Amino acid sequence: MTRTPPDPDARHLALQARLAAIVMALAMVLWMGAQWLGGRLGWDVRYVFLFDLAAIAAFVWAMAVTWRIWQRQRGRRGNP
């Protein structure tokens, strides 16, 4: 039984999806850690807010990548 090599475009999309998932998970863990640490150490609210903005930026980026992957998949299948 022979296997055909994976399509390079499909492999690229899979790597992008994996990267987006890692960014989402890491952003959530780091954000939660920063919130906990900020409360524990009594950081000023404006500094903790920077972590909120960084987490939002990471999620927006990951959602944009996910949207692009979804659009490419639809295009490859021929769906309008």
C-alpha atoms as a PDB file:
ATOM      1  CA  MET A   1       0.000   0.000   0.000  1.00  0.00           C
ATOM      2  CA  THR A   2       1.561   3.280  -1.096  1.00  0.00           C
ATOM      3  CA  ARG A   3       0.824   6.655   0.361  1.00  0.00           C
ATOM      4  CA  THR A   4       0.646   9.789  -1.683  1.00  0.00           C
ATOM      5  CA  PRO A   5       2.543  12.729  -0.276  1.00  0.00           C
ATOM      6  CA  PRO A   6       0.357  15.413   1.279  1.00  0.00           C
ATOM      7  CA  ASP A   7      -0.531  18.446  -0.771  1.00  0.00           C
ATOM      8  CA  PRO A   8       1.945  21.260   0.067  1.00  0.00           C
ATOM      9  CA  ASP A   9      -0.922  23.756   0.336  1.00  0.00           C
ATOM     10  CA  ALA A  10      -2.815  21.502   2.734  1.00  0.00           C
ATOM     11  CA  ARG A  11       0.332  21.069   4.818  1.00  0.00           C
ATOM     12  CA  HIS A  12       0.812  24.839   4.917  1.00  0.00           C
ATOM     13  CA  LEU A  13      -2.782  25.356   6.049  1.00  0.00           C
ATOM     14  CA  ALA A  14      -2.349  22.721   8.760  1.00  0.00           C
ATOM     15  CA  LEU A  15       0.793  24.450  10.044  1.00  0.00           C
ATOM     16  CA  GLN A  16      -0.995  27.810  10.093  1.00  0.00           C
ATOM     17  CA  ALA A  17      -3.910  26.286  12.004  1.00  0.00           C
ATOM     18  CA  ARG A  18      -1.520  24.746  14.514  1.00  0.00           C
ATOM     19  CA  LEU A  19       0.252  28.083  14.986  1.00  0.00           C
ATOM     20  CA  ALA A  20      -3.067  29.889  15.520  1.00  0.00           C
ATOM     21  CA  ALA A  21      -4.097  27.293  18.112  1.00  0.00           C
ATOM     22  CA  ILE A  22      -0.785  27.616  19.953  1.00  0.00           C
ATOM     23  CA  VAL A  23      -1.046  31.412  19.971  1.00  0.00           C
ATOM     24  CA  MET A  24      -4.606  31.263  21.360  1.00  0.00           C
ATOM     25  CA  ALA A  25      -3.695  28.807  24.101  1.00  0.00           C
ATOM     26  CA  LEU A  26      -0.493  30.608  25.051  1.00  0.00           C
ATOM     27  CA  ALA A  27      -2.206  34.011  25.076  1.00  0.00           C
ATOM     28  CA  MET A  28      -4.895  32.709  27.417  1.00  0.00           C
ATOM     29  CA  VAL A  29      -2.421  31.102  29.817  1.00  0.00           C
ATOM     30  CA  LEU A  30      -0.151  34.153  29.871  1.00  0.00           C
ATOM     31  CA  TRP A  31      -3.099  36.508  30.293  1.00  0.00           C
ATOM     32  CA  MET A  32      -4.483  34.498  33.202  1.00  0.00           C
ATOM     33  CA  GLY A  33      -1.028  34.365  34.782  1.00  0.00           C
ATOM     34  CA  ALA A  34      -0.576  38.116  34.396  1.00  0.00           C
ATOM     35  CA  GLN A  35      -3.983  38.779  35.940  1.00  0.00           C
ATOM     36  CA  TRP A  36      -3.188  36.556  38.893  1.00  0.00           C
ATOM     37  CA  LEU A  37       0.304  37.972  39.335  1.00  0.00           C
ATOM     38  CA  GLY A  38      -0.915  41.545  38.987  1.00  0.00           C
ATOM     39  CA  GLY A  39      -3.506  41.020  41.706  1.00  0.00           C
ATOM     40  CA  ARG A  40      -1.022  39.251  43.928  1.00  0.00           C
ATOM     41  CA  LEU A  41       1.683  41.902  43.604  1.00  0.00           C
ATOM     42  CA  GLY A  42      -0.699  44.845  43.583  1.00  0.00           C
ATOM     43  CA  TRP A  43       0.222  46.141  40.137  1.00  0.00           C
ATOM     44  CA  ASP A  44      -1.392  49.350  38.974  1.00  0.00           C
ATOM     45  CA  VAL A  45      -4.459  48.754  36.802  1.00  0.00           C
ATOM     46  CA  ARG A  46      -2.935  50.481  33.781  1.00  0.00           C
ATOM     47  CA  TYR A  47      -0.083  47.945  33.704  1.00  0.00           C
ATOM     48  CA  VAL A  48      -2.418  44.989  33.941  1.00  0.00           C
ATOM     49  CA  PHE A  49      -4.499  46.582  31.160  1.00  0.00           C
ATOM     50  CA  LEU A  50      -1.476  46.224  28.863  1.00  0.00           C
ATOM     51  CA  PHE A  51      -1.720  42.457  29.277  1.00  0.00           C
ATOM     52  CA  ASP A  52      -5.403  42.688  28.339  1.00  0.00           C
ATOM     53  CA  LEU A  53      -4.529  44.556  25.161  1.00  0.00           C
ATOM     54  CA  ALA A  54      -1.769  42.085  24.299  1.00  0.00           C
ATOM     55  CA  ALA A  55      -4.165  39.153  24.776  1.00  0.00           C
ATOM     56  CA  ILE A  56      -6.811  40.853  22.618  1.00  0.00           C
ATOM     57  CA  ALA A  57      -4.217  41.481  19.902  1.00  0.00           C
ATOM     58  CA  ALA A  58      -3.159  37.814  19.978  1.00  0.00           C
ATOM     59  CA  PHE A  59      -6.771  36.643  19.714  1.00  0.00           C
ATOM     60  CA  VAL A  60      -7.543  39.040  16.871  1.00  0.00           C
ATOM     61  CA  TRP A  61      -4.464  37.826  14.997  1.00  0.00           C
ATOM     62  CA  ALA A  62      -5.389  34.175  15.575  1.00  0.00           C
ATOM     63  CA  MET A  63      -8.962  34.779  14.439  1.00  0.00           C
ATOM     64  CA  ALA A  64      -7.713  36.530  11.277  1.00  0.00           C
ATOM     65  CA  VAL A  65      -5.467  33.556  10.498  1.00  0.00           C
ATOM     66  CA  THR A  66      -8.319  31.152  11.188  1.00  0.00           C
ATOM     67  CA  TRP A  67     -10.629  33.157   8.885  1.00  0.00           C
ATOM     68  CA  ARG A  68      -8.010  33.077   6.123  1.00  0.00           C
ATOM     69  CA  ILE A  69      -7.584  29.309   6.518  1.00  0.00           C
ATOM     70  CA  TRP A  70     -11.351  28.831   6.349  1.00  0.00           C
ATOM     71  CA  GLN A  71     -11.605  30.961   3.207  1.00  0.00           C
ATOM     72  CA  ARG A  72      -8.793  29.036   1.504  1.00  0.00           C
ATOM     73  CA  GLN A  73     -10.423  25.717   2.383  1.00  0.00           C
ATOM     74  CA  ARG A  74     -13.716  26.911   0.909  1.00  0.00           C
ATOM     75  CA  GLY A  75     -11.878  28.050  -2.234  1.00  0.00           C
ATOM     76  CA  ARG A  76     -10.115  24.722  -2.629  1.00  0.00           C
ATOM     77  CA  ARG A  77     -13.405  22.849  -2.425  1.00  0.00           C
ATOM     78  CA  GLY A  78     -15.055  25.164  -4.926  1.00  0.00           C
ATOM     79  CA  ASN A  79     -17.702  26.450  -2.511  1.00  0.00           C
ATOM     80  CA  PRO A  80     -18.880  29.987  -3.141  1.00  0.00           C
END
